[in-house]
Amino acid sequence: MVGQTIPAVEERLQYGKPHYLKNGHYAAVIAVAKDKVSFMVFNATDVPEVKGFLRAMGNGERKVVDIREGQHVDYGVVAGILEETATAL
């Protein structure tokens, strides 16, 4: 999904997690925890939170979608958020 959304994306493993960069700037990272997979986008200050779907991290520059087993996720919406946040990079 990341490669289709950002064709020139660079993938780099840092801290054991895949980080995705566009033009040398962080676009997204995937983190795995015991009960979820978190997909975080950067440069997301202007993207509003969506209760139960998209939460803010820190000062709101980062937004996270937490995905749990059995949960339906509209990856088209997630790709749209990534496309919006990565456009300015």
N, C-alpha and C. Protein backbone atom coordinates (compact mmCIF):
# COMPACT_ATOMS: atom_id res chain seq x y z
N MET A 1 0.83 -1.18 0.00
CA MET A 1 0.00 0.00 0.00
C MET A 1 0.88 1.25 0.00
N VAL A 2 1.94 1.25 0.81
CA VAL A 2 2.82 2.41 0.88
C VAL A 2 3.50 2.64 -0.47
N GLY A 3 4.03 1.57 -1.07
CA GLY A 3 4.70 1.68 -2.36
C GLY A 3 3.79 2.14 -3.48
N GLN A 4 2.53 1.75 -3.43
CA GLN A 4 1.57 2.19 -4.44
C GLN A 4 1.16 3.64 -4.23
N THR A 5 1.12 4.07 -2.98
CA THR A 5 0.69 5.43 -2.65
C THR A 5 1.81 6.44 -2.89
N ILE A 6 3.04 6.05 -2.56
CA ILE A 6 4.21 6.92 -2.74
C ILE A 6 5.20 6.14 -3.63
N PRO A 7 5.09 6.27 -4.95
CA PRO A 7 5.91 5.45 -5.86
C PRO A 7 7.41 5.55 -5.62
N ALA A 8 7.94 6.70 -5.23
CA ALA A 8 9.38 6.86 -5.06
C ALA A 8 9.81 6.67 -3.61
N VAL A 9 9.02 5.93 -2.83
CA VAL A 9 9.30 5.77 -1.40
C VAL A 9 10.58 4.96 -1.19
N GLU A 10 11.29 5.31 -0.14
CA GLU A 10 12.48 4.56 0.27
C GLU A 10 12.13 3.87 1.59
N GLU A 11 12.37 2.57 1.68
CA GLU A 11 12.11 1.83 2.91
C GLU A 11 13.44 1.62 3.63
N ARG A 12 13.42 1.88 4.94
CA ARG A 12 14.62 1.73 5.76
C ARG A 12 14.22 1.11 7.09
N LEU A 13 14.98 0.11 7.53
CA LEU A 13 14.73 -0.47 8.85
C LEU A 13 15.49 0.33 9.90
N GLN A 14 14.76 0.84 10.87
CA GLN A 14 15.36 1.55 11.99
C GLN A 14 14.68 1.06 13.25
N TYR A 15 15.46 0.78 14.27
CA TYR A 15 14.92 0.30 15.54
C TYR A 15 14.06 -0.95 15.32
N GLY A 16 14.38 -1.74 14.30
CA GLY A 16 13.65 -2.97 14.01
C GLY A 16 12.29 -2.75 13.38
N LYS A 17 12.02 -1.53 12.91
CA LYS A 17 10.72 -1.21 12.31
C LYS A 17 10.92 -0.64 10.91
N PRO A 18 10.03 -0.97 9.99
CA PRO A 18 10.12 -0.36 8.66
C PRO A 18 9.68 1.10 8.70
N HIS A 19 10.58 1.96 8.26
CA HIS A 19 10.29 3.39 8.12
C HIS A 19 10.26 3.69 6.63
N TYR A 20 9.35 4.56 6.22
CA TYR A 20 9.19 4.91 4.82
C TYR A 20 9.50 6.39 4.65
N LEU A 21 10.39 6.70 3.71
CA LEU A 21 10.83 8.08 3.49
C LEU A 21 10.54 8.52 2.06
N LYS A 22 10.22 9.80 1.94
CA LYS A 22 10.05 10.42 0.63
C LYS A 22 10.96 11.63 0.61
N ASN A 23 11.84 11.69 -0.36
CA ASN A 23 12.79 12.80 -0.47
C ASN A 23 13.59 13.00 0.82
N GLY A 24 13.91 11.90 1.50
CA GLY A 24 14.71 11.96 2.71
C GLY A 24 13.94 12.34 3.97
N HIS A 25 12.62 12.51 3.86
CA HIS A 25 11.78 12.88 5.00
C HIS A 25 10.88 11.70 5.37
N TYR A 26 10.67 11.52 6.66
CA TYR A 26 9.81 10.43 7.12
C TYR A 26 8.37 10.64 6.67
N ALA A 27 7.80 9.61 6.07
CA ALA A 27 6.40 9.63 5.64
C ALA A 27 5.56 8.73 6.54
N ALA A 28 6.10 7.56 6.92
CA ALA A 28 5.33 6.60 7.71
C ALA A 28 6.25 5.60 8.38
N VAL A 29 5.71 4.94 9.40
CA VAL A 29 6.42 3.85 10.08
C VAL A 29 5.38 2.83 10.53
N ILE A 30 5.79 1.58 10.55
CA ILE A 30 4.93 0.49 11.03
C ILE A 30 5.56 -0.08 12.28
N ALA A 31 4.76 -0.18 13.34
CA ALA A 31 5.24 -0.74 14.60
C ALA A 31 4.31 -1.87 15.02
N VAL A 32 4.88 -2.94 15.54
CA VAL A 32 4.11 -4.10 15.96
C VAL A 32 4.20 -4.22 17.48
N ALA A 33 3.05 -4.40 18.11
CA ALA A 33 2.97 -4.63 19.56
C ALA A 33 2.25 -5.95 19.79
N LYS A 34 2.11 -6.32 21.03
CA LYS A 34 1.49 -7.61 21.38
C LYS A 34 0.10 -7.79 20.77
N ASP A 35 -0.71 -6.74 20.81
CA ASP A 35 -2.10 -6.88 20.39
C ASP A 35 -2.50 -6.02 19.20
N LYS A 36 -1.52 -5.36 18.55
CA LYS A 36 -1.89 -4.49 17.43
C LYS A 36 -0.69 -4.20 16.53
N VAL A 37 -1.01 -3.70 15.35
CA VAL A 37 -0.03 -3.14 14.43
C VAL A 37 -0.40 -1.68 14.29
N SER A 38 0.57 -0.80 14.49
CA SER A 38 0.31 0.64 14.38
C SER A 38 0.96 1.17 13.11
N PHE A 39 0.17 1.92 12.35
CA PHE A 39 0.65 2.57 11.13
C PHE A 39 0.63 4.06 11.39
N MET A 40 1.81 4.67 11.46
CA MET A 40 1.93 6.08 11.80
C MET A 40 2.35 6.88 10.58
N VAL A 41 1.67 8.00 10.36
CA VAL A 41 2.06 8.93 9.31
C VAL A 41 2.62 10.19 9.94
N PHE A 42 3.56 10.80 9.26
CA PHE A 42 4.19 12.03 9.71
C PHE A 42 3.63 13.20 8.91
N ASN A 43 3.94 14.42 9.31
CA ASN A 43 3.51 15.61 8.59
C ASN A 43 1.98 15.70 8.56
N ALA A 44 1.34 15.31 9.66
CA ALA A 44 -0.12 15.17 9.68
C ALA A 44 -0.83 16.21 10.55
N THR A 45 -0.20 17.34 10.78
CA THR A 45 -0.79 18.37 11.63
C THR A 45 -2.18 18.78 11.15
N ASP A 46 -2.36 18.88 9.84
CA ASP A 46 -3.64 19.35 9.29
C ASP A 46 -4.68 18.24 9.10
N VAL A 47 -4.32 17.02 9.43
CA VAL A 47 -5.26 15.90 9.31
C VAL A 47 -6.01 15.75 10.63
N PRO A 48 -7.33 15.84 10.62
CA PRO A 48 -8.07 15.73 11.88
C PRO A 48 -8.10 14.31 12.43
N GLU A 49 -8.14 14.21 13.75
CA GLU A 49 -8.31 12.91 14.38
C GLU A 49 -9.69 12.37 14.06
N VAL A 50 -9.82 11.05 14.04
CA VAL A 50 -11.11 10.39 13.84
C VAL A 50 -11.26 9.41 14.99
N LYS A 51 -12.17 9.71 15.91
CA LYS A 51 -12.34 8.89 17.11
C LYS A 51 -12.52 7.42 16.76
N GLY A 52 -11.71 6.58 17.40
CA GLY A 52 -11.78 5.15 17.18
C GLY A 52 -11.06 4.67 15.94
N PHE A 53 -10.44 5.59 15.18
CA PHE A 53 -9.74 5.18 13.96
C PHE A 53 -8.36 5.82 13.84
N LEU A 54 -8.28 7.13 13.95
CA LEU A 54 -7.04 7.86 13.74
C LEU A 54 -6.77 8.74 14.96
N ARG A 55 -5.67 8.46 15.65
CA ARG A 55 -5.36 9.22 16.85
C ARG A 55 -4.08 10.01 16.68
N ALA A 56 -4.00 11.12 17.40
CA ALA A 56 -2.82 11.98 17.34
C ALA A 56 -1.76 11.49 18.31
N MET A 57 -0.52 11.73 17.95
CA MET A 57 0.62 11.45 18.82
C MET A 57 1.34 12.77 19.07
N GLY A 58 1.75 12.97 20.31
CA GLY A 58 2.53 14.17 20.65
C GLY A 58 1.78 15.44 20.34
N ASN A 59 2.40 16.30 19.55
CA ASN A 59 1.81 17.59 19.22
C ASN A 59 0.86 17.54 18.04
N GLY A 60 0.52 16.36 17.56
CA GLY A 60 -0.42 16.20 16.45
C GLY A 60 0.24 16.13 15.10
N GLU A 61 1.57 16.24 15.05
CA GLU A 61 2.30 16.15 13.79
C GLU A 61 2.30 14.71 13.27
N ARG A 62 2.04 13.79 14.17
CA ARG A 62 1.96 12.38 13.80
C ARG A 62 0.55 11.87 14.11
N LYS A 63 0.04 11.05 13.21
CA LYS A 63 -1.26 10.42 13.41
C LYS A 63 -1.08 8.92 13.23
N VAL A 64 -1.86 8.13 14.01
CA VAL A 64 -1.68 6.69 14.05
C VAL A 64 -3.00 5.96 13.84
N VAL A 65 -2.96 4.92 13.03
CA VAL A 65 -4.06 3.98 12.89
C VAL A 65 -3.60 2.70 13.57
N ASP A 66 -4.34 2.25 14.59
CA ASP A 66 -4.04 1.00 15.29
C ASP A 66 -4.91 -0.10 14.69
N ILE A 67 -4.29 -1.19 14.27
CA ILE A 67 -5.00 -2.29 13.62
C ILE A 67 -4.88 -3.53 14.49
N ARG A 68 -6.03 -4.06 14.87
CA ARG A 68 -6.07 -5.26 15.71
C ARG A 68 -6.62 -6.44 14.91
N GLU A 69 -6.25 -7.63 15.32
CA GLU A 69 -6.68 -8.85 14.63
C GLU A 69 -8.21 -8.88 14.54
N GLY A 70 -8.69 -9.20 13.35
CA GLY A 70 -10.12 -9.32 13.12
C GLY A 70 -10.82 -8.00 12.82
N GLN A 71 -10.12 -6.90 12.95
CA GLN A 71 -10.70 -5.58 12.72
C GLN A 71 -10.74 -5.29 11.22
N HIS A 72 -11.85 -4.77 10.74
CA HIS A 72 -11.92 -4.35 9.34
C HIS A 72 -11.25 -2.98 9.21
N VAL A 73 -10.36 -2.86 8.25
CA VAL A 73 -9.67 -1.60 8.00
C VAL A 73 -9.87 -1.23 6.54
N ASP A 74 -10.31 -0.01 6.30
CA ASP A 74 -10.45 0.49 4.94
C ASP A 74 -9.08 1.04 4.53
N TYR A 75 -8.29 0.22 3.87
CA TYR A 75 -6.94 0.62 3.50
C TYR A 75 -6.94 1.72 2.44
N GLY A 76 -8.04 1.89 1.73
CA GLY A 76 -8.16 3.02 0.81
C GLY A 76 -8.15 4.33 1.57
N VAL A 77 -8.82 4.37 2.72
CA VAL A 77 -8.82 5.57 3.56
C VAL A 77 -7.42 5.81 4.13
N VAL A 78 -6.78 4.75 4.58
CA VAL A 78 -5.42 4.87 5.13
C VAL A 78 -4.47 5.38 4.04
N ALA A 79 -4.60 4.85 2.83
CA ALA A 79 -3.75 5.30 1.71
C ALA A 79 -4.03 6.77 1.40
N GLY A 80 -5.28 7.19 1.49
CA GLY A 80 -5.63 8.59 1.25
C GLY A 80 -4.98 9.52 2.26
N ILE A 81 -4.96 9.09 3.52
CA ILE A 81 -4.30 9.88 4.56
C ILE A 81 -2.81 9.97 4.28
N LEU A 82 -2.20 8.83 3.94
CA LEU A 82 -0.77 8.81 3.63
C LEU A 82 -0.47 9.71 2.42
N GLU A 83 -1.29 9.63 1.40
CA GLU A 83 -1.07 10.46 0.22
C GLU A 83 -1.14 11.95 0.56
N GLU A 84 -2.12 12.31 1.38
CA GLU A 84 -2.28 13.70 1.80
C GLU A 84 -1.07 14.19 2.60
N THR A 85 -0.59 13.36 3.53
CA THR A 85 0.52 13.80 4.38
C THR A 85 1.86 13.77 3.65
N ALA A 86 2.01 12.91 2.67
CA ALA A 86 3.28 12.79 1.96
C ALA A 86 3.42 13.76 0.79
N THR A 87 2.35 14.38 0.38
CA THR A 87 2.38 15.27 -0.79
C THR A 87 3.40 16.39 -0.62
N ALA A 88 3.46 16.97 0.56
CA ALA A 88 4.35 18.12 0.80
C ALA A 88 5.81 17.73 1.04
N LEU A 89 6.09 16.44 1.12
CA LEU A 89 7.46 16.02 1.41
C LEU A 89 8.35 16.07 0.18
